[in-house]
Amino acid sequence: MKMAAATLLPIAPILLLPFILVFFVVVFPLWLVSLGVLGLLLLLLRGLAKLGQLAGTDSLNAAASGIHKAFRWVLTFGGLAKSVDESHSVT
């Protein structure tokens, strides 16, 4: 009986290989691109908000805050890393 379980062991990495490839070939590069785009937008909006504050208006602060929230959300894989961290701190 133990011999049968040992012979099936190498099948698991072979079955997981397509999922690993999809993650590293598709998901991870898209995540990096979205971080770059949101980071650039955040940088631009913060700069424009600072210029707006010097001009006496706070109209872009809400947009900069919203982009910052979106950037943090993407940075934590859609809140997944944050929720896993919170579940470990509760126990």
C-alpha atoms as a PDB file:
ATOM      1  CA  MET A   1       0.000   0.000   0.000  1.00  0.00           C
ATOM      2  CA  LYS A   2       2.821   2.415   0.832  1.00  0.00           C
ATOM      3  CA  MET A   3       4.465   1.676  -2.485  1.00  0.00           C
ATOM      4  CA  ALA A   4       1.418   2.890  -4.461  1.00  0.00           C
ATOM      5  CA  ALA A   5       1.440   6.271  -2.713  1.00  0.00           C
ATOM      6  CA  ALA A   6       5.131   6.709  -3.415  1.00  0.00           C
ATOM      7  CA  THR A   7       4.674   6.057  -7.120  1.00  0.00           C
ATOM      8  CA  LEU A   8       1.964   8.736  -7.433  1.00  0.00           C
ATOM      9  CA  LEU A   9       4.098  11.418  -5.805  1.00  0.00           C
ATOM     10  CA  PRO A  10       5.778  12.747  -8.995  1.00  0.00           C
ATOM     11  CA  ILE A  11       2.388  13.294 -10.644  1.00  0.00           C
ATOM     12  CA  ALA A  12       1.493  16.261  -8.415  1.00  0.00           C
ATOM     13  CA  PRO A  13       4.104  18.692  -9.851  1.00  0.00           C
ATOM     14  CA  ILE A  14       3.135  17.663 -13.369  1.00  0.00           C
ATOM     15  CA  LEU A  15      -0.533  18.394 -12.676  1.00  0.00           C
ATOM     16  CA  LEU A  16       0.301  21.753 -11.074  1.00  0.00           C
ATOM     17  CA  LEU A  17       2.631  22.860 -13.869  1.00  0.00           C
ATOM     18  CA  PRO A  18      -0.069  24.476 -16.074  1.00  0.00           C
ATOM     19  CA  PHE A  19      -1.325  26.556 -13.145  1.00  0.00           C
ATOM     20  CA  ILE A  20       2.189  27.653 -12.262  1.00  0.00           C
ATOM     21  CA  LEU A  21       2.903  28.605 -15.864  1.00  0.00           C
ATOM     22  CA  VAL A  22      -0.324  30.592 -16.194  1.00  0.00           C
ATOM     23  CA  PHE A  23       0.444  32.462 -12.984  1.00  0.00           C
ATOM     24  CA  PHE A  24       4.021  33.391 -13.888  1.00  0.00           C
ATOM     25  CA  VAL A  25       3.431  33.996 -17.603  1.00  0.00           C
ATOM     26  CA  VAL A  26       0.081  35.829 -17.464  1.00  0.00           C
ATOM     27  CA  VAL A  27      -0.933  36.959 -13.973  1.00  0.00           C
ATOM     28  CA  PHE A  28       2.385  38.157 -12.546  1.00  0.00           C
ATOM     29  CA  PRO A  29       3.342  40.363 -15.546  1.00  0.00           C
ATOM     30  CA  LEU A  30      -0.154  41.901 -15.602  1.00  0.00           C
ATOM     31  CA  TRP A  31       0.179  42.621 -11.892  1.00  0.00           C
ATOM     32  CA  LEU A  32       3.533  44.327 -12.484  1.00  0.00           C
ATOM     33  CA  VAL A  33       2.139  46.409 -15.357  1.00  0.00           C
ATOM     34  CA  SER A  34      -0.871  47.489 -13.294  1.00  0.00           C
ATOM     35  CA  LEU A  35       1.416  48.467 -10.403  1.00  0.00           C
ATOM     36  CA  GLY A  36       3.503  50.539 -12.795  1.00  0.00           C
ATOM     37  CA  VAL A  37       0.527  52.288 -14.364  1.00  0.00           C
ATOM     38  CA  LEU A  38      -1.155  53.015 -11.029  1.00  0.00           C
ATOM     39  CA  GLY A  39       2.155  54.155  -9.533  1.00  0.00           C
ATOM     40  CA  LEU A  40       2.684  56.581 -12.398  1.00  0.00           C
ATOM     41  CA  LEU A  41      -0.883  57.884 -12.102  1.00  0.00           C
ATOM     42  CA  LEU A  42      -0.446  58.255  -8.359  1.00  0.00           C
ATOM     43  CA  LEU A  43       2.787  60.192  -8.833  1.00  0.00           C
ATOM     44  CA  LEU A  44       1.202  62.496 -11.412  1.00  0.00           C
ATOM     45  CA  LEU A  45      -1.942  63.117  -9.364  1.00  0.00           C
ATOM     46  CA  ARG A  46       0.006  63.795  -6.180  1.00  0.00           C
ATOM     47  CA  GLY A  47       2.136  66.311  -8.061  1.00  0.00           C
ATOM     48  CA  LEU A  48      -0.920  67.977  -9.575  1.00  0.00           C
ATOM     49  CA  ALA A  49      -2.642  67.980  -6.175  1.00  0.00           C
ATOM     50  CA  LYS A  50       0.399  69.688  -4.649  1.00  0.00           C
ATOM     51  CA  LEU A  51       0.340  72.299  -7.415  1.00  0.00           C
ATOM     52  CA  GLY A  52      -3.382  72.722  -6.825  1.00  0.00           C
ATOM     53  CA  GLN A  53      -2.782  73.280  -3.109  1.00  0.00           C
ATOM     54  CA  LEU A  54      -0.233  75.955  -3.956  1.00  0.00           C
ATOM     55  CA  ALA A  55      -2.873  77.557  -6.180  1.00  0.00           C
ATOM     56  CA  GLY A  56      -5.394  77.381  -3.341  1.00  0.00           C
ATOM     57  CA  THR A  57      -7.661  74.524  -4.379  1.00  0.00           C
ATOM     58  CA  ASP A  58      -8.118  71.024  -2.972  1.00  0.00           C
ATOM     59  CA  SER A  59      -9.977  69.572  -5.951  1.00  0.00           C
ATOM     60  CA  LEU A  60      -7.431  66.834  -6.794  1.00  0.00           C
ATOM     61  CA  ASN A  61      -6.865  65.550  -3.259  1.00  0.00           C
ATOM     62  CA  ALA A  62      -9.864  63.198  -3.451  1.00  0.00           C
ATOM     63  CA  ALA A  63      -8.653  61.761  -6.772  1.00  0.00           C
ATOM     64  CA  ALA A  64      -5.139  61.253  -5.390  1.00  0.00           C
ATOM     65  CA  SER A  65      -6.602  59.523  -2.334  1.00  0.00           C
ATOM     66  CA  GLY A  66      -8.689  57.222  -4.540  1.00  0.00           C
ATOM     67  CA  ILE A  67      -5.716  56.285  -6.716  1.00  0.00           C
ATOM     68  CA  HIS A  68      -3.688  55.622  -3.546  1.00  0.00           C
ATOM     69  CA  LYS A  69      -6.388  53.217  -2.308  1.00  0.00           C
ATOM     70  CA  ALA A  70      -6.430  51.466  -5.698  1.00  0.00           C
ATOM     71  CA  PHE A  71      -2.625  51.208  -5.675  1.00  0.00           C
ATOM     72  CA  ARG A  72      -2.635  49.661  -2.181  1.00  0.00           C
ATOM     73  CA  TRP A  73      -5.402  47.244  -3.247  1.00  0.00           C
ATOM     74  CA  VAL A  74      -3.407  46.060  -6.279  1.00  0.00           C
ATOM     75  CA  LEU A  75      -0.219  45.912  -4.197  1.00  0.00           C
ATOM     76  CA  THR A  76      -1.867  43.430  -1.803  1.00  0.00           C
ATOM     77  CA  PHE A  77      -3.178  41.206  -4.660  1.00  0.00           C
ATOM     78  CA  GLY A  78      -6.712  42.551  -4.417  1.00  0.00           C
ATOM     79  CA  GLY A  79      -6.736  42.613  -0.624  1.00  0.00           C
ATOM     80  CA  LEU A  80      -5.855  38.912  -0.454  1.00  0.00           C
ATOM     81  CA  ALA A  81      -2.561  39.428   1.375  1.00  0.00           C
ATOM     82  CA  LYS A  82      -4.218  41.841   3.773  1.00  0.00           C
ATOM     83  CA  SER A  83      -7.091  39.463   4.601  1.00  0.00           C
ATOM     84  CA  VAL A  84      -4.698  36.542   5.167  1.00  0.00           C
ATOM     85  CA  ASP A  85      -2.597  38.721   7.477  1.00  0.00           C
ATOM     86  CA  GLU A  86      -5.700  39.788   9.429  1.00  0.00           C
ATOM     87  CA  SER A  87      -6.878  36.189   9.832  1.00  0.00           C
ATOM     88  CA  HIS A  88      -3.510  35.195  11.298  1.00  0.00           C
ATOM     89  CA  SER A  89      -3.496  38.126  13.738  1.00  0.00           C
ATOM     90  CA  VAL A  90      -6.986  37.268  15.047  1.00  0.00           C
ATOM     91  CA  THR A  91      -5.987  33.782  16.179  1.00  0.00           C
END
